[in-house]
PDB file of N, CA and C in Angstrom:
ATOM      1  N   UNK A   1      96.209 122.241  96.980  1.00  0.00           N
ATOM      2  CA  UNK A   1      95.045 121.545  96.476  1.00  0.00           C
ATOM      3  C   UNK A   1      95.425 120.202  95.862  1.00  0.00           C
ATOM      4  N   UNK A   2      96.487 120.189  95.048  1.00  0.00           N
ATOM      5  CA  UNK A   2      96.939 118.941  94.430  1.00  0.00           C
ATOM      6  C   UNK A   2      97.451 117.980  95.502  1.00  0.00           C
ATOM      7  N   UNK A   3      98.132 118.503  96.506  1.00  0.00           N
ATOM      8  CA  UNK A   3      98.656 117.644  97.571  1.00  0.00           C
ATOM      9  C   UNK A   3      97.526 116.967  98.339  1.00  0.00           C
ATOM     10  N   UNK A   4      96.462 117.687  98.581  1.00  0.00           N
ATOM     11  CA  UNK A   4      95.317 117.104  99.294  1.00  0.00           C
ATOM     12  C   UNK A   4      94.653 116.023  98.453  1.00  0.00           C
ATOM     13  N   UNK A   5      94.465 116.285  97.186  1.00  0.00           N
ATOM     14  CA  UNK A   5      93.858 115.290  96.294  1.00  0.00           C
ATOM     15  C   UNK A   5      94.754 114.063  96.155  1.00  0.00           C
ATOM     16  N   UNK A   6      96.063 114.291  96.098  1.00  0.00           N
ATOM     17  CA  UNK A   6      96.994 113.165  95.990  1.00  0.00           C
ATOM     18  C   UNK A   6      96.980 112.317  97.254  1.00  0.00           C
ATOM     19  N   UNK A   7      96.875 112.944  98.412  1.00  0.00           N
ATOM     20  CA  UNK A   7      96.825 112.185  99.660  1.00  0.00           C
ATOM     21  C   UNK A   7      95.532 111.372  99.769  1.00  0.00           C
ATOM     22  N   UNK A   8      94.422 111.937  99.326  1.00  0.00           N
ATOM     23  CA  UNK A   8      93.161 111.184  99.315  1.00  0.00           C
ATOM     24  C   UNK A   8      93.267 110.007  98.345  1.00  0.00           C
ATOM     25  N   UNK A   9      93.867 110.236  97.190  1.00  0.00           N
ATOM     26  CA  UNK A   9      94.039 109.165  96.203  1.00  0.00           C
ATOM     27  C   UNK A   9      94.985 108.087  96.720  1.00  0.00           C
ATOM     28  N   UNK A  10      96.031 108.473  97.453  1.00  0.00           N
ATOM     29  CA  UNK A  10      96.943 107.490  98.044  1.00  0.00           C
ATOM     30  C   UNK A  10      96.183 106.608  99.034  1.00  0.00           C
ATOM     31  N   UNK A  11      95.305 107.207  99.820  1.00  0.00           N
ATOM     32  CA  UNK A  11      94.497 106.424 100.753  1.00  0.00           C
ATOM     33  C   UNK A  11      93.573 105.456 100.035  1.00  0.00           C
ATOM     34  N   UNK A  12      92.947 105.908  98.950  1.00  0.00           N
ATOM     35  CA  UNK A  12      92.038 105.049  98.189  1.00  0.00           C
ATOM     36  C   UNK A  12      92.792 103.898  97.516  1.00  0.00           C
ATOM     37  N   UNK A  13      93.947 104.201  96.953  1.00  0.00           N
ATOM     38  CA  UNK A  13      94.740 103.153  96.309  1.00  0.00           C
ATOM     39  C   UNK A  13      95.300 102.201  97.360  1.00  0.00           C
ATOM     40  N   UNK A  14      95.666 102.709  98.517  1.00  0.00           N
ATOM     41  CA  UNK A  14      96.131 101.839  99.601  1.00  0.00           C
ATOM     42  C   UNK A  14      95.049 100.874 100.053  1.00  0.00           C
ATOM     43  N   UNK A  15      93.814 101.359 100.165  1.00  0.00           N
ATOM     44  CA  UNK A  15      92.697 100.492 100.512  1.00  0.00           C
ATOM     45  C   UNK A  15      92.468  99.447  99.416  1.00  0.00           C
ATOM     46  N   UNK A  16      92.608  99.872  98.182  1.00  0.00           N
ATOM     47  CA  UNK A  16      92.474  98.943  97.068  1.00  0.00           C
ATOM     48  C   UNK A  16      93.561  97.872  97.094  1.00  0.00           C
ATOM     49  N   UNK A  17      94.774  98.249  97.474  1.00  0.00           N
ATOM     50  CA  UNK A  17      95.857  97.273  97.601  1.00  0.00           C
ATOM     51  C   UNK A  17      95.541  96.238  98.672  1.00  0.00           C
ATOM     52  N   UNK A  18      95.003  96.681  99.793  1.00  0.00           N
ATOM     53  CA  UNK A  18      94.672  95.747 100.879  1.00  0.00           C
ATOM     54  C   UNK A  18      93.578  94.777 100.438  1.00  0.00           C
ATOM     55  N   UNK A  19      92.540  95.290  99.781  1.00  0.00           N
ATOM     56  CA  UNK A  19      91.451  94.430  99.324  1.00  0.00           C
ATOM     57  C   UNK A  19      91.914  93.449  98.243  1.00  0.00           C
ATOM     58  N   UNK A  20      92.803  93.896  97.381  1.00  0.00           N
ATOM     59  CA  UNK A  20      93.336  93.009  96.348  1.00  0.00           C
ATOM     60  C   UNK A  20      94.246  91.954  96.954  1.00  0.00           C
ATOM     61  N   UNK A  21      94.995  92.314  97.974  1.00  0.00           N
ATOM     62  CA  UNK A  21      95.835  91.339  98.662  1.00  0.00           C
ATOM     63  C   UNK A  21      94.978  90.266  99.333  1.00  0.00           C
ATOM     64  N   UNK A  22      93.836  90.668  99.878  1.00  0.00           N
ATOM     65  CA  UNK A  22      92.902  89.692 100.442  1.00  0.00           C
ATOM     66  C   UNK A  22      92.424  88.714  99.370  1.00  0.00           C
ATOM     67  N   UNK A  23      92.084  89.228  98.179  1.00  0.00           N
ATOM     68  CA  UNK A  23      91.632  88.364  97.090  1.00  0.00           C
ATOM     69  C   UNK A  23      92.764  87.457  96.620  1.00  0.00           C
ATOM     70  N   UNK A  24      93.993  87.943  96.661  1.00  0.00           N
ATOM     71  CA  UNK A  24      95.135  87.126  96.263  1.00  0.00           C
ATOM     72  C   UNK A  24      95.319  85.960  97.219  1.00  0.00           C
ATOM     73  N   UNK A  25      95.148  86.200  98.500  1.00  0.00           N
ATOM     74  CA  UNK A  25      95.349  85.144  99.488  1.00  0.00           C
ATOM     75  C   UNK A  25      94.155  84.190  99.584  1.00  0.00           C
ATOM     76  N   UNK A  26      92.936  84.685  99.384  1.00  0.00           N
ATOM     77  CA  UNK A  26      91.743  83.871  99.558  1.00  0.00           C
ATOM     78  C   UNK A  26      91.077  83.459  98.257  1.00  0.00           C
ATOM     79  N   UNK A  27      91.730  83.704  97.119  1.00  0.00           N
ATOM     80  CA  UNK A  27      91.120  83.370  95.834  1.00  0.00           C
ATOM     81  C   UNK A  27      90.821  81.881  95.735  1.00  0.00           C
ATOM     82  N   UNK A  28      89.633  81.524  95.262  1.00  0.00           N
ATOM     83  CA  UNK A  28      89.295  80.101  95.241  1.00  0.00           C
ATOM     84  C   UNK A  28      90.043  79.310  94.164  1.00  0.00           C
ATOM     85  N   UNK A  29      90.427  79.952  93.083  1.00  0.00           N
ATOM     86  CA  UNK A  29      91.082  79.243  91.986  1.00  0.00           C
ATOM     87  C   UNK A  29      92.347  79.997  91.575  1.00  0.00           C
ATOM     88  N   UNK A  30      93.197  79.322  90.810  1.00  0.00           N
ATOM     89  CA  UNK A  30      94.445  79.925  90.352  1.00  0.00           C
ATOM     90  C   UNK A  30      94.228  81.117  89.419  1.00  0.00           C
ATOM     91  N   UNK A  31      93.276  81.061  88.471  1.00  0.00           N
ATOM     92  CA  UNK A  31      93.072  82.256  87.629  1.00  0.00           C
ATOM     93  C   UNK A  31      92.634  83.491  88.428  1.00  0.00           C
ATOM     94  N   UNK A  32      91.868  83.286  89.499  1.00  0.00           N
ATOM     95  CA  UNK A  32      91.499  84.412  90.359  1.00  0.00           C
ATOM     96  C   UNK A  32      92.726  85.033  90.993  1.00  0.00           C
ATOM     97  N   UNK A  33      93.665  84.192  91.382  1.00  0.00           N
ATOM     98  CA  UNK A  33      94.890  84.697  92.009  1.00  0.00           C
ATOM     99  C   UNK A  33      95.765  85.428  90.997  1.00  0.00           C
ATOM    100  N   UNK A  34      95.794  84.943  89.750  1.00  0.00           N
ATOM    101  CA  UNK A  34      96.575  85.630  88.714  1.00  0.00           C
ATOM    102  C   UNK A  34      95.975  87.004  88.432  1.00  0.00           C
ATOM    103  N   UNK A  35      94.660  87.079  88.350  1.00  0.00           N
ATOM    104  CA  UNK A  35      94.016  88.375  88.133  1.00  0.00           C
ATOM    105  C   UNK A  35      94.249  89.311  89.316  1.00  0.00           C
ATOM    106  N   UNK A  36      94.218  88.770  90.520  1.00  0.00           N
ATOM    107  CA  UNK A  36      94.490  89.594  91.697  1.00  0.00           C
ATOM    108  C   UNK A  36      95.933  90.087  91.685  1.00  0.00           C
ATOM    109  N   UNK A  37      96.858  89.247  91.253  1.00  0.00           N
ATOM    110  CA  UNK A  37      98.259  89.672  91.178  1.00  0.00           C
ATOM    111  C   UNK A  37      98.449  90.763  90.136  1.00  0.00           C
ATOM    112  N   UNK A  38      97.762  90.648  89.008  1.00  0.00           N
ATOM    113  CA  UNK A  38      97.835  91.683  87.983  1.00  0.00           C
ATOM    114  C   UNK A  38      97.224  92.990  88.488  1.00  0.00           C
ATOM    115  N   UNK A  39      96.104  92.898  89.172  1.00  0.00           N
ATOM    116  CA  UNK A  39      95.480  94.092  89.745  1.00  0.00           C
ATOM    117  C   UNK A  39      96.359  94.711  90.825  1.00  0.00           C
ATOM    118  N   UNK A  40      97.032  93.864  91.588  1.00  0.00           N
ATOM    119  CA  UNK A  40      97.953  94.365  92.607  1.00  0.00           C
ATOM    120  C   UNK A  40      99.101  95.141  91.965  1.00  0.00           C
ATOM    121  N   UNK A  41      99.604  94.642  90.847  1.00  0.00           N
ATOM    122  CA  UNK A  41     100.676  95.353  90.144  1.00  0.00           C
ATOM    123  C   UNK A  41     100.183  96.688  89.604  1.00  0.00           C
ATOM    124  N   UNK A  42      98.973  96.723  89.064  1.00  0.00           N
ATOM    125  CA  UNK A  42      98.420  97.974  88.538  1.00  0.00           C
ATOM    126  C   UNK A  42      98.202  98.981  89.666  1.00  0.00           C
ATOM    127  N   UNK A  43      97.716  98.517  90.798  1.00  0.00           N
ATOM    128  CA  UNK A  43      97.525  99.408  91.946  1.00  0.00           C
ATOM    129  C   UNK A  43      98.857  99.928  92.474  1.00  0.00           C
ATOM    130  N   UNK A  44      99.874  99.080  92.455  1.00  0.00           N
ATOM    131  CA  UNK A  44     101.196  99.526  92.891  1.00  0.00           C
ATOM    132  C   UNK A  44     101.753 100.581  91.937  1.00  0.00           C
ATOM    133  N   UNK A  45     101.505 100.419  90.640  1.00  0.00           N
ATOM    134  CA  UNK A  45     101.932 101.419  89.658  1.00  0.00           C
ATOM    135  C   UNK A  45     101.216 102.746  89.920  1.00  0.00           C
ATOM    136  N   UNK A  46      99.921 102.670  90.203  1.00  0.00           N
ATOM    137  CA  UNK A  46      99.168 103.890  90.512  1.00  0.00           C
ATOM    138  C   UNK A  46      99.722 104.570  91.767  1.00  0.00           C
ATOM    139  N   UNK A  47     100.090 103.780  92.761  1.00  0.00           N
ATOM    140  CA  UNK A  47     100.649 104.345  93.988  1.00  0.00           C
ATOM    141  C   UNK A  47     101.997 105.014  93.721  1.00  0.00           C
ATOM    142  N   UNK A  48     102.815 104.407  92.885  1.00  0.00           N
ATOM    143  CA  UNK A  48     104.109 104.992  92.537  1.00  0.00           C
ATOM    144  C   UNK A  48     103.918 106.312  91.793  1.00  0.00           C
ATOM    145  N   UNK A  49     102.976 106.341  90.852  1.00  0.00           N
ATOM    146  CA  UNK A  49     102.711 107.581  90.108  1.00  0.00           C
ATOM    147  C   UNK A  49     102.179 108.668  91.037  1.00  0.00           C
ATOM    148  N   UNK A  50     101.317 108.282  91.971  1.00  0.00           N
ATOM    149  CA  UNK A  50     100.806 109.267  92.927  1.00  0.00           C
ATOM    150  C   UNK A  50     101.917 109.836  93.804  1.00  0.00           C
ATOM    151  N   UNK A  51     102.865 109.013  94.204  1.00  0.00           N
ATOM    152  CA  UNK A  51     104.003 109.530  94.962  1.00  0.00           C
ATOM    153  C   UNK A  51     104.849 110.468  94.110  1.00  0.00           C
ATOM    154  N   UNK A  52     104.950 110.170  92.803  1.00  0.00           N
ATOM    155  CA  UNK A  52     105.657 111.085  91.910  1.00  0.00           C
ATOM    156  C   UNK A  52     104.978 112.430  91.815  1.00  0.00           C
ATOM    157  N   UNK A  53     103.647 112.440  91.777  1.00  0.00           N
ATOM    158  CA  UNK A  53     102.908 113.699  91.749  1.00  0.00           C
ATOM    159  C   UNK A  53     103.048 114.419  93.085  1.00  0.00           C
ATOM    160  N   UNK A  54     102.963 113.669  94.166  1.00  0.00           N
ATOM    161  CA  UNK A  54     103.023 114.261  95.499  1.00  0.00           C
ATOM    162  C   UNK A  54     104.383 114.883  95.794  1.00  0.00           C
ATOM    163  N   UNK A  55     105.459 114.214  95.403  1.00  0.00           N
ATOM    164  CA  UNK A  55     106.800 114.732  95.664  1.00  0.00           C
ATOM    165  C   UNK A  55     107.369 115.570  94.534  1.00  0.00           C
ATOM    166  N   UNK A  56     106.620 115.714  93.441  1.00  0.00           N
ATOM    167  CA  UNK A  56     106.982 116.556  92.297  1.00  0.00           C
ATOM    168  C   UNK A  56     108.343 116.199  91.708  1.00  0.00           C
ATOM    169  N   UNK A  57     108.533 114.907  91.430  1.00  0.00           N
ATOM    170  CA  UNK A  57     109.754 114.451  90.795  1.00  0.00           C
ATOM    171  C   UNK A  57     109.405 113.468  89.680  1.00  0.00           C
ATOM    172  N   UNK A  58     110.252 113.403  88.658  1.00  0.00           N
ATOM    173  CA  UNK A  58     109.984 112.529  87.516  1.00  0.00           C
ATOM    174  C   UNK A  58     110.597 111.147  87.675  1.00  0.00           C
ATOM    175  N   UNK A  59     111.401 110.939  88.696  1.00  0.00           N
ATOM    176  CA  UNK A  59     112.050 109.645  88.884  1.00  0.00           C
ATOM    177  C   UNK A  59     111.010 108.539  89.122  1.00  0.00           C
ATOM    178  N   UNK A  60     109.943 108.854  89.814  1.00  0.00           N
ATOM    179  CA  UNK A  60     108.918 107.859  90.110  1.00  0.00           C
ATOM    180  C   UNK A  60     108.197 107.401  88.848  1.00  0.00           C
ATOM    181  N   UNK A  61     108.094 108.254  87.850  1.00  0.00           N
ATOM    182  CA  UNK A  61     107.417 107.869  86.615  1.00  0.00           C
ATOM    183  C   UNK A  61     108.236 106.833  85.847  1.00  0.00           C
ATOM    184  N   UNK A  62     109.555 106.957  85.876  1.00  0.00           N
ATOM    185  CA  UNK A  62     110.405 105.962  85.232  1.00  0.00           C
ATOM    186  C   UNK A  62     110.325 104.627  85.956  1.00  0.00           C
ATOM    187  N   UNK A  63     110.272 104.680  87.272  1.00  0.00           N
ATOM    188  CA  UNK A  63     110.114 103.459  88.063  1.00  0.00           C
ATOM    189  C   UNK A  63     108.771 102.806  87.759  1.00  0.00           C
ATOM    190  N   UNK A  64     107.725 103.607  87.597  1.00  0.00           N
ATOM    191  CA  UNK A  64     106.407 103.071  87.278  1.00  0.00           C
ATOM    192  C   UNK A  64     106.405 102.381  85.915  1.00  0.00           C
ATOM    193  N   UNK A  65     107.107 102.937  84.943  1.00  0.00           N
ATOM    194  CA  UNK A  65     107.195 102.296  83.628  1.00  0.00           C
ATOM    195  C   UNK A  65     107.910 100.951  83.709  1.00  0.00           C
ATOM    196  N   UNK A  66     109.003 100.904  84.448  1.00  0.00           N
ATOM    197  CA  UNK A  66     109.725  99.642  84.609  1.00  0.00           C
ATOM    198  C   UNK A  66     108.872  98.611  85.343  1.00  0.00           C
ATOM    199  N   UNK A  67     108.169  99.049  86.361  1.00  0.00           N
ATOM    200  CA  UNK A  67     107.310  98.147  87.119  1.00  0.00           C
ATOM    201  C   UNK A  67     106.158  97.637  86.251  1.00  0.00           C
ATOM    202  N   UNK A  68     105.652  98.473  85.361  1.00  0.00           N
ATOM    203  CA  UNK A  68     104.577  98.052  84.456  1.00  0.00           C
ATOM    204  C   UNK A  68     105.072  96.975  83.490  1.00  0.00           C
ATOM    205  N   UNK A  69     106.280  97.138  82.984  1.00  0.00           N
ATOM    206  CA  UNK A  69     106.824  96.129  82.071  1.00  0.00           C
ATOM    207  C   UNK A  69     107.031  94.800  82.786  1.00  0.00           C
ATOM    208  N   UNK A  70     107.572  94.836  83.988  1.00  0.00           N
ATOM    209  CA  UNK A  70     107.792  93.603  84.747  1.00  0.00           C
ATOM    210  C   UNK A  70     106.462  92.962  85.112  1.00  0.00           C
ATOM    211  N   UNK A  71     105.480  93.764  85.494  1.00  0.00           N
ATOM    212  CA  UNK A  71     104.164  93.229  85.823  1.00  0.00           C
ATOM    213  C   UNK A  71     103.494  92.561  84.641  1.00  0.00           C
ATOM    214  N   UNK A  72     103.639  93.141  83.463  1.00  0.00           N
ATOM    215  CA  UNK A  72     103.059  92.537  82.263  1.00  0.00           C
ATOM    216  C   UNK A  72     103.710  91.196  81.956  1.00  0.00           C
ATOM    217  N   UNK A  73     105.027  91.147  82.034  1.00  0.00           N
ATOM    218  CA  UNK A  73     105.740  89.906  81.723  1.00  0.00           C
ATOM    219  C   UNK A  73     105.379  88.812  82.726  1.00  0.00           C
ATOM    220  N   UNK A  74     105.276  89.145  84.001  1.00  0.00           N
ATOM    221  CA  UNK A  74     104.922  88.126  84.995  1.00  0.00           C
ATOM    222  C   UNK A  74     103.490  87.628  84.799  1.00  0.00           C
ATOM    223  N   UNK A  75     102.579  88.519  84.428  1.00  0.00           N
ATOM    224  CA  UNK A  75     101.208  88.080  84.183  1.00  0.00           C
ATOM    225  C   UNK A  75     101.148  87.133  82.994  1.00  0.00           C
ATOM    226  N   UNK A  76     101.852  87.436  81.941  1.00  0.00           N
ATOM    227  CA  UNK A  76     101.883  86.555  80.773  1.00  0.00           C
ATOM    228  C   UNK A  76     102.517  85.218  81.127  1.00  0.00           C
ATOM    229  N   UNK A  77     103.584  85.232  81.917  1.00  0.00           N
ATOM    230  CA  UNK A  77     104.245  83.986  82.307  1.00  0.00           C
ATOM    231  C   UNK A  77     103.334  83.126  83.174  1.00  0.00           C
ATOM    232  N   UNK A  78     102.620  83.730  84.122  1.00  0.00           N
ATOM    233  CA  UNK A  78     101.692  82.963  84.949  1.00  0.00           C
ATOM    234  C   UNK A  78     100.564  82.361  84.111  1.00  0.00           C
ATOM    235  N   UNK A  79     100.047  83.126  83.177  1.00  0.00           N
ATOM    236  CA  UNK A  79      98.966  82.622  82.330  1.00  0.00           C
ATOM    237  C   UNK A  79      99.440  81.469  81.449  1.00  0.00           C
ATOM    238  N   UNK A  80     100.632  81.596  80.880  1.00  0.00           N
ATOM    239  CA  UNK A  80     101.174  80.500  80.073  1.00  0.00           C
ATOM    240  C   UNK A  80     101.400  79.262  80.922  1.00  0.00           C
ATOM    241  N   UNK A  81     101.850  79.452  82.151  1.00  0.00           N
ATOM    242  CA  UNK A  81     102.078  78.316  83.040  1.00  0.00           C
ATOM    243  C   UNK A  81     100.764  77.625  83.372  1.00  0.00           C
ATOM    244  N   UNK A  82      99.709  78.405  83.620  1.00  0.00           N
ATOM    245  CA  UNK A  82      98.426  77.799  83.951  1.00  0.00           C
ATOM    246  C   UNK A  82      97.801  77.083  82.755  1.00  0.00           C
ATOM    247  N   UNK A  83      97.993  77.609  81.561  1.00  0.00           N
ATOM    248  CA  UNK A  83      97.388  77.005  80.374  1.00  0.00           C
ATOM    249  C   UNK A  83      98.151  75.784  79.880  1.00  0.00           C
ATOM    250  N   UNK A  84      99.483  75.864  79.879  1.00  0.00           N
ATOM    251  CA  UNK A  84     100.283  74.806  79.250  1.00  0.00           C
ATOM    252  C   UNK A  84     101.115  73.997  80.231  1.00  0.00           C
ATOM    253  N   UNK A  85     101.352  74.499  81.408  1.00  0.00           N
ATOM    254  CA  UNK A  85     102.164  73.752  82.372  1.00  0.00           C
ATOM    255  C   UNK A  85     103.633  74.114  82.330  1.00  0.00           C
ATOM    256  N   UNK A  86     104.061  74.864  81.314  1.00  0.00           N
ATOM    257  CA  UNK A  86     105.440  75.331  81.252  1.00  0.00           C
ATOM    258  C   UNK A  86     105.455  76.739  80.691  1.00  0.00           C
ATOM    259  N   UNK A  87     106.537  77.454  80.954  1.00  0.00           N
ATOM    260  CA  UNK A  87     106.631  78.833  80.508  1.00  0.00           C
ATOM    261  C   UNK A  87     107.446  78.937  79.237  1.00  0.00           C
ATOM    262  N   UNK A  88     108.563  78.226  79.202  1.00  0.00           N
ATOM    263  CA  UNK A  88     109.466  78.283  78.044  1.00  0.00           C
ATOM    264  C   UNK A  88     109.262  77.025  77.213  1.00  0.00           C
ATOM    265  N   UNK A  89     109.034  77.240  75.937  1.00  0.00           N
ATOM    266  CA  UNK A  89     108.801  76.089  75.050  1.00  0.00           C
ATOM    267  C   UNK A  89     110.068  75.677  74.370  1.00  0.00           C
TER     268      UNK A  89
END
């Protein structure tokens, strides 16, 4: 039962990744692209966690935590670059 639900969720998150990738490529402005990149990172984290549930291992959860930290830092760096023009002051 859990495997079936996880496979359906993987399909839904995969579709969400494709739609977010479309928004990343066709976004009219830079802030739209930054939000799409952040959403893409969140969807990728969800996909990693779903694979951890599907394969019943805890290694994927640690990878998801690391990916979440990197995604947060990149989103903050992109936002600082768009607002100020530089990342490091």
